Amino acid sequence: MTEIVTYVEMTARDQLDPAVRVPDLTLEPLDRDSPLVVELQARIGAPYGWESASRTGREWADWFARCPDRAFRLLRFEGVPAGMASYDLRPGGDVEIETFGLLPEFVGKGLGGYALTLAIRQAWELAPAVTRVWLHTSSLDHPNALPNYHRRGFRTFRTEEGEREIE
């Protein structure tokens, strides 16, 4: 299946165009050892064929080992886990939002824009000298993903087209 991967970035905090606040939607620290890290990523990614949906225990261990400083945040809606974000600090003040998404049962409920606003704000706060926040999305992800990123103020800086096997 053809896949287009789009890379988007913000190079200043004031580029964020925040979505309207959703009461009872919060973003809070999530310990990397929490079983929710694996569970949420697998559930979020399953509808879109993300690798996280089918990783083995060994593959998860390798994934965690590759980025020992990766930070995790839990999205809660009305106190219930609704999604997550994870962040990688890169050299030169870059923060990659490595994972962002809602659990399937929370998709389509009007939470995505504000959830992304919270995730972006957190990305800018992860280190004292953040100069860029970026992420990538796929044409196989939720169809509102890229439009949501653009509405929040991200700009596309690269696209790649290729083939991906969906299992």
C-alpha atoms as a PDB file:
ATOM      1  CA  MET A   1       0.000   0.000   0.000  1.00  0.00           C
ATOM      2  CA  THR A   2       1.284   3.470  -0.853  1.00  0.00           C
ATOM      3  CA  GLU A   3       2.079   5.606   2.168  1.00  0.00           C
ATOM      4  CA  ILE A   4       2.928   9.281   2.309  1.00  0.00           C
ATOM      5  CA  VAL A   5       4.822  10.338   5.426  1.00  0.00           C
ATOM      6  CA  THR A   6       4.578  14.039   6.217  1.00  0.00           C
ATOM      7  CA  TYR A   7       6.994  15.780   8.589  1.00  0.00           C
ATOM      8  CA  VAL A   8       5.762  18.935  10.309  1.00  0.00           C
ATOM      9  CA  GLU A   9       7.453  21.433  12.625  1.00  0.00           C
ATOM     10  CA  MET A  10       7.073  24.508  14.794  1.00  0.00           C
ATOM     11  CA  THR A  11      10.121  26.681  15.315  1.00  0.00           C
ATOM     12  CA  ALA A  12       8.659  29.070  17.885  1.00  0.00           C
ATOM     13  CA  ARG A  13       6.167  28.729  20.730  1.00  0.00           C
ATOM     14  CA  ASP A  14       4.017  31.532  19.384  1.00  0.00           C
ATOM     15  CA  GLN A  15       3.274  29.502  16.247  1.00  0.00           C
ATOM     16  CA  LEU A  16       0.881  27.374  18.298  1.00  0.00           C
ATOM     17  CA  ASP A  17      -2.743  28.123  17.432  1.00  0.00           C
ATOM     18  CA  PRO A  18      -4.455  26.499  20.421  1.00  0.00           C
ATOM     19  CA  ALA A  19      -7.731  24.675  20.105  1.00  0.00           C
ATOM     20  CA  VAL A  20     -10.673  25.501  22.311  1.00  0.00           C
ATOM     21  CA  ARG A  21     -10.229  24.076  25.808  1.00  0.00           C
ATOM     22  CA  VAL A  22     -12.021  20.816  26.522  1.00  0.00           C
ATOM     23  CA  PRO A  23     -13.049  20.628  30.184  1.00  0.00           C
ATOM     24  CA  ASP A  24     -11.834  17.515  31.975  1.00  0.00           C
ATOM     25  CA  LEU A  25      -9.126  16.740  29.376  1.00  0.00           C
ATOM     26  CA  THR A  26      -5.691  16.690  31.015  1.00  0.00           C
ATOM     27  CA  LEU A  27      -2.148  15.684  30.175  1.00  0.00           C
ATOM     28  CA  GLU A  28      -0.062  14.293  33.024  1.00  0.00           C
ATOM     29  CA  PRO A  29       3.310  12.588  33.472  1.00  0.00           C
ATOM     30  CA  LEU A  30       3.366   8.850  32.870  1.00  0.00           C
ATOM     31  CA  ASP A  31       6.201   6.748  34.259  1.00  0.00           C
ATOM     32  CA  ARG A  32       8.083   4.887  31.519  1.00  0.00           C
ATOM     33  CA  ASP A  33       7.734   1.668  33.552  1.00  0.00           C
ATOM     34  CA  SER A  34       3.946   1.904  33.607  1.00  0.00           C
ATOM     35  CA  PRO A  35       2.236  -0.922  31.695  1.00  0.00           C
ATOM     36  CA  LEU A  36       0.018   1.805  30.212  1.00  0.00           C
ATOM     37  CA  VAL A  37       2.877   2.949  27.964  1.00  0.00           C
ATOM     38  CA  VAL A  38       2.819  -0.281  25.958  1.00  0.00           C
ATOM     39  CA  GLU A  39      -0.922  -0.866  26.252  1.00  0.00           C
ATOM     40  CA  LEU A  40      -1.921   2.600  25.085  1.00  0.00           C
ATOM     41  CA  GLN A  41       0.505   2.712  22.167  1.00  0.00           C
ATOM     42  CA  ALA A  42      -0.665  -0.692  20.973  1.00  0.00           C
ATOM     43  CA  ARG A  43      -4.337   0.289  21.202  1.00  0.00           C
ATOM     44  CA  ILE A  44      -3.858   3.737  19.664  1.00  0.00           C
ATOM     45  CA  GLY A  45      -1.843   2.354  16.750  1.00  0.00           C
ATOM     46  CA  ALA A  46      -3.837  -0.800  15.989  1.00  0.00           C
ATOM     47  CA  PRO A  47      -6.362   0.846  13.622  1.00  0.00           C
ATOM     48  CA  TYR A  48      -3.522   2.413  11.599  1.00  0.00           C
ATOM     49  CA  GLY A  49      -1.068  -0.474  11.391  1.00  0.00           C
ATOM     50  CA  TRP A  50       1.518   1.110  13.697  1.00  0.00           C
ATOM     51  CA  GLU A  51       4.445  -1.119  14.638  1.00  0.00           C
ATOM     52  CA  SER A  52       3.505  -0.578  18.291  1.00  0.00           C
ATOM     53  CA  ALA A  53       0.346  -2.621  17.748  1.00  0.00           C
ATOM     54  CA  SER A  54       2.285  -5.839  17.163  1.00  0.00           C
ATOM     55  CA  ARG A  55       5.652  -5.485  18.919  1.00  0.00           C
ATOM     56  CA  THR A  56       6.935  -8.430  20.877  1.00  0.00           C
ATOM     57  CA  GLY A  57       8.260  -8.065  24.414  1.00  0.00           C
ATOM     58  CA  ARG A  58      11.812  -8.088  23.044  1.00  0.00           C
ATOM     59  CA  GLU A  59      10.977  -5.392  20.486  1.00  0.00           C
ATOM     60  CA  TRP A  60       9.478  -3.215  23.218  1.00  0.00           C
ATOM     61  CA  ALA A  61      12.618  -3.645  25.328  1.00  0.00           C
ATOM     62  CA  ASP A  62      14.744  -2.571  22.339  1.00  0.00           C
ATOM     63  CA  TRP A  63      12.442   0.399  21.691  1.00  0.00           C
ATOM     64  CA  PHE A  64      12.777   1.607  25.291  1.00  0.00           C
ATOM     65  CA  ALA A  65      16.569   1.050  25.267  1.00  0.00           C
ATOM     66  CA  ARG A  66      17.060   3.147  22.104  1.00  0.00           C
ATOM     67  CA  CYS A  67      15.770   6.287  23.843  1.00  0.00           C
ATOM     68  CA  PRO A  68      16.311   6.065  27.593  1.00  0.00           C
ATOM     69  CA  ASP A  69      15.320   9.730  28.033  1.00  0.00           C
ATOM     70  CA  ARG A  70      11.996   9.434  26.231  1.00  0.00           C
ATOM     71  CA  ALA A  71       9.264  11.193  28.232  1.00  0.00           C
ATOM     72  CA  PHE A  72       5.676   9.981  28.396  1.00  0.00           C
ATOM     73  CA  ARG A  73       2.425  11.795  29.109  1.00  0.00           C
ATOM     74  CA  LEU A  74      -1.034  10.358  29.675  1.00  0.00           C
ATOM     75  CA  LEU A  75      -4.124  12.038  28.285  1.00  0.00           C
ATOM     76  CA  ARG A  76      -7.116  11.641  30.585  1.00  0.00           C
ATOM     77  CA  PHE A  77     -10.683  12.594  29.828  1.00  0.00           C
ATOM     78  CA  GLU A  78     -12.978  12.782  32.825  1.00  0.00           C
ATOM     79  CA  GLY A  79     -10.328  10.867  34.777  1.00  0.00           C
ATOM     80  CA  VAL A  80     -10.140   7.944  32.346  1.00  0.00           C
ATOM     81  CA  PRO A  81      -7.079   7.197  30.148  1.00  0.00           C
ATOM     82  CA  ALA A  82      -7.912   8.539  26.694  1.00  0.00           C
ATOM     83  CA  GLY A  83      -4.560   8.631  24.878  1.00  0.00           C
ATOM     84  CA  MET A  84      -0.921   9.512  25.212  1.00  0.00           C
ATOM     85  CA  ALA A  85       2.051  11.454  23.944  1.00  0.00           C
ATOM     86  CA  SER A  86       5.734  10.593  24.058  1.00  0.00           C
ATOM     87  CA  TYR A  87       8.663  12.891  23.435  1.00  0.00           C
ATOM     88  CA  ASP A  88      12.280  12.501  22.413  1.00  0.00           C
ATOM     89  CA  LEU A  89      14.751  15.288  23.165  1.00  0.00           C
ATOM     90  CA  ARG A  90      17.102  15.653  20.211  1.00  0.00           C
ATOM     91  CA  PRO A  91      20.389  17.561  19.895  1.00  0.00           C
ATOM     92  CA  GLY A  92      20.187  21.276  19.215  1.00  0.00           C
ATOM     93  CA  GLY A  93      16.960  21.979  21.091  1.00  0.00           C
ATOM     94  CA  ASP A  94      14.706  19.736  19.006  1.00  0.00           C
ATOM     95  CA  VAL A  95      11.825  17.845  20.575  1.00  0.00           C
ATOM     96  CA  GLU A  96      10.179  15.121  18.532  1.00  0.00           C
ATOM     97  CA  ILE A  97       6.646  14.199  19.470  1.00  0.00           C
ATOM     98  CA  GLU A  98       7.343  10.522  18.892  1.00  0.00           C
ATOM     99  CA  THR A  99       3.826   9.305  19.678  1.00  0.00           C
ATOM    100  CA  PHE A 100       0.559  11.179  19.849  1.00  0.00           C
ATOM    101  CA  GLY A 101      -2.902   9.720  19.703  1.00  0.00           C
ATOM    102  CA  LEU A 102      -6.237   8.939  21.231  1.00  0.00           C
ATOM    103  CA  LEU A 103      -7.626   5.526  22.055  1.00  0.00           C
ATOM    104  CA  PRO A 104     -10.181   4.398  19.454  1.00  0.00           C
ATOM    105  CA  GLU A 105     -13.131   4.900  21.794  1.00  0.00           C
ATOM    106  CA  PHE A 106     -12.215   8.608  22.192  1.00  0.00           C
ATOM    107  CA  VAL A 107     -11.717   9.361  18.485  1.00  0.00           C
ATOM    108  CA  GLY A 108     -14.476  11.478  16.946  1.00  0.00           C
ATOM    109  CA  LYS A 109     -15.522  13.080  20.227  1.00  0.00           C
ATOM    110  CA  GLY A 110     -13.955  16.495  19.614  1.00  0.00           C
ATOM    111  CA  LEU A 111     -10.912  15.903  21.831  1.00  0.00           C
ATOM    112  CA  GLY A 112      -8.083  15.793  19.266  1.00  0.00           C
ATOM    113  CA  GLY A 113      -7.461  19.524  18.800  1.00  0.00           C
ATOM    114  CA  TYR A 114      -7.189  20.315  22.489  1.00  0.00           C
ATOM    115  CA  ALA A 115      -5.287  17.075  23.203  1.00  0.00           C
ATOM    116  CA  LEU A 116      -2.724  18.150  20.604  1.00  0.00           C
ATOM    117  CA  THR A 117      -2.596  21.661  22.081  1.00  0.00           C
ATOM    118  CA  LEU A 118      -1.712  20.158  25.464  1.00  0.00           C
ATOM    119  CA  ALA A 119       0.909  17.872  23.892  1.00  0.00           C
ATOM    120  CA  ILE A 120       2.556  20.752  22.006  1.00  0.00           C
ATOM    121  CA  ARG A 121       2.653  22.982  25.084  1.00  0.00           C
ATOM    122  CA  GLN A 122       4.313  20.151  26.999  1.00  0.00           C
ATOM    123  CA  ALA A 123       6.881  19.662  24.221  1.00  0.00           C
ATOM    124  CA  TRP A 124       7.967  23.307  24.517  1.00  0.00           C
ATOM    125  CA  GLU A 125       8.379  22.866  28.283  1.00  0.00           C
ATOM    126  CA  LEU A 126      10.515  19.694  28.255  1.00  0.00           C
ATOM    127  CA  ALA A 127      13.859  21.471  28.244  1.00  0.00           C
ATOM    128  CA  PRO A 128      15.045  25.017  28.878  1.00  0.00           C
ATOM    129  CA  ALA A 129      16.204  25.721  25.326  1.00  0.00           C
ATOM    130  CA  VAL A 130      13.676  24.045  23.006  1.00  0.00           C
ATOM    131  CA  THR A 131      13.915  25.666  19.572  1.00  0.00           C
ATOM    132  CA  ARG A 132      11.862  23.272  17.484  1.00  0.00           C
ATOM    133  CA  VAL A 133       9.014  20.805  17.979  1.00  0.00           C
ATOM    134  CA  TRP A 134       8.335  18.333  15.208  1.00  0.00           C
ATOM    135  CA  LEU A 135       6.620  15.062  14.379  1.00  0.00           C
ATOM    136  CA  HIS A 136       5.669  12.931  11.445  1.00  0.00           C
ATOM    137  CA  THR A 137       2.374  11.448  10.385  1.00  0.00           C
ATOM    138  CA  SER A 138       1.313   8.999   7.729  1.00  0.00           C
ATOM    139  CA  SER A 139      -1.428   9.031   5.136  1.00  0.00           C
ATOM    140  CA  LEU A 140      -2.473   5.745   6.774  1.00  0.00           C
ATOM    141  CA  ASP A 141      -3.097   7.504  10.119  1.00  0.00           C
ATOM    142  CA  HIS A 142      -6.464   9.027  11.014  1.00  0.00           C
ATOM    143  CA  PRO A 143      -7.575  11.317   8.151  1.00  0.00           C
ATOM    144  CA  ASN A 144      -7.886  14.284  10.541  1.00  0.00           C
ATOM    145  CA  ALA A 145      -4.323  13.932  11.872  1.00  0.00           C
ATOM    146  CA  LEU A 146      -2.483  16.107   9.345  1.00  0.00           C
ATOM    147  CA  PRO A 147      -5.228  18.767   9.157  1.00  0.00           C
ATOM    148  CA  ASN A 148      -5.193  18.959  12.981  1.00  0.00           C
ATOM    149  CA  TYR A 149      -1.400  19.427  12.994  1.00  0.00           C
ATOM    150  CA  HIS A 150      -1.692  22.214  10.432  1.00  0.00           C
ATOM    151  CA  ARG A 151      -4.562  23.901  12.340  1.00  0.00           C
ATOM    152  CA  ARG A 152      -2.423  23.958  15.488  1.00  0.00           C
ATOM    153  CA  GLY A 153       0.350  25.793  13.600  1.00  0.00           C
ATOM    154  CA  PHE A 154       2.708  23.085  12.380  1.00  0.00           C
ATOM    155  CA  ARG A 155       4.230  23.607   8.917  1.00  0.00           C
ATOM    156  CA  THR A 156       5.169  20.780   6.573  1.00  0.00           C
ATOM    157  CA  PHE A 157       8.912  20.604   5.947  1.00  0.00           C
ATOM    158  CA  ARG A 158       9.248  17.241   4.169  1.00  0.00           C
ATOM    159  CA  THR A 159       7.191  14.468   2.611  1.00  0.00           C
ATOM    160  CA  GLU A 160       8.227  10.978   1.591  1.00  0.00           C
ATOM    161  CA  GLU A 161       6.294   8.469  -0.458  1.00  0.00           C
ATOM    162  CA  GLY A 162       6.813   4.747  -0.250  1.00  0.00           C
ATOM    163  CA  GLU A 163       5.174   1.384   0.125  1.00  0.00           C
ATOM    164  CA  ARG A 164       4.189  -0.191   3.405  1.00  0.00           C
ATOM    165  CA  GLU A 165       2.946  -3.688   4.061  1.00  0.00           C
ATOM    166  CA  ILE A 166      -0.102  -3.815   6.277  1.00  0.00           C
ATOM    167  CA  GLU A 167      -0.462  -7.042   8.201  1.00  0.00           C
END
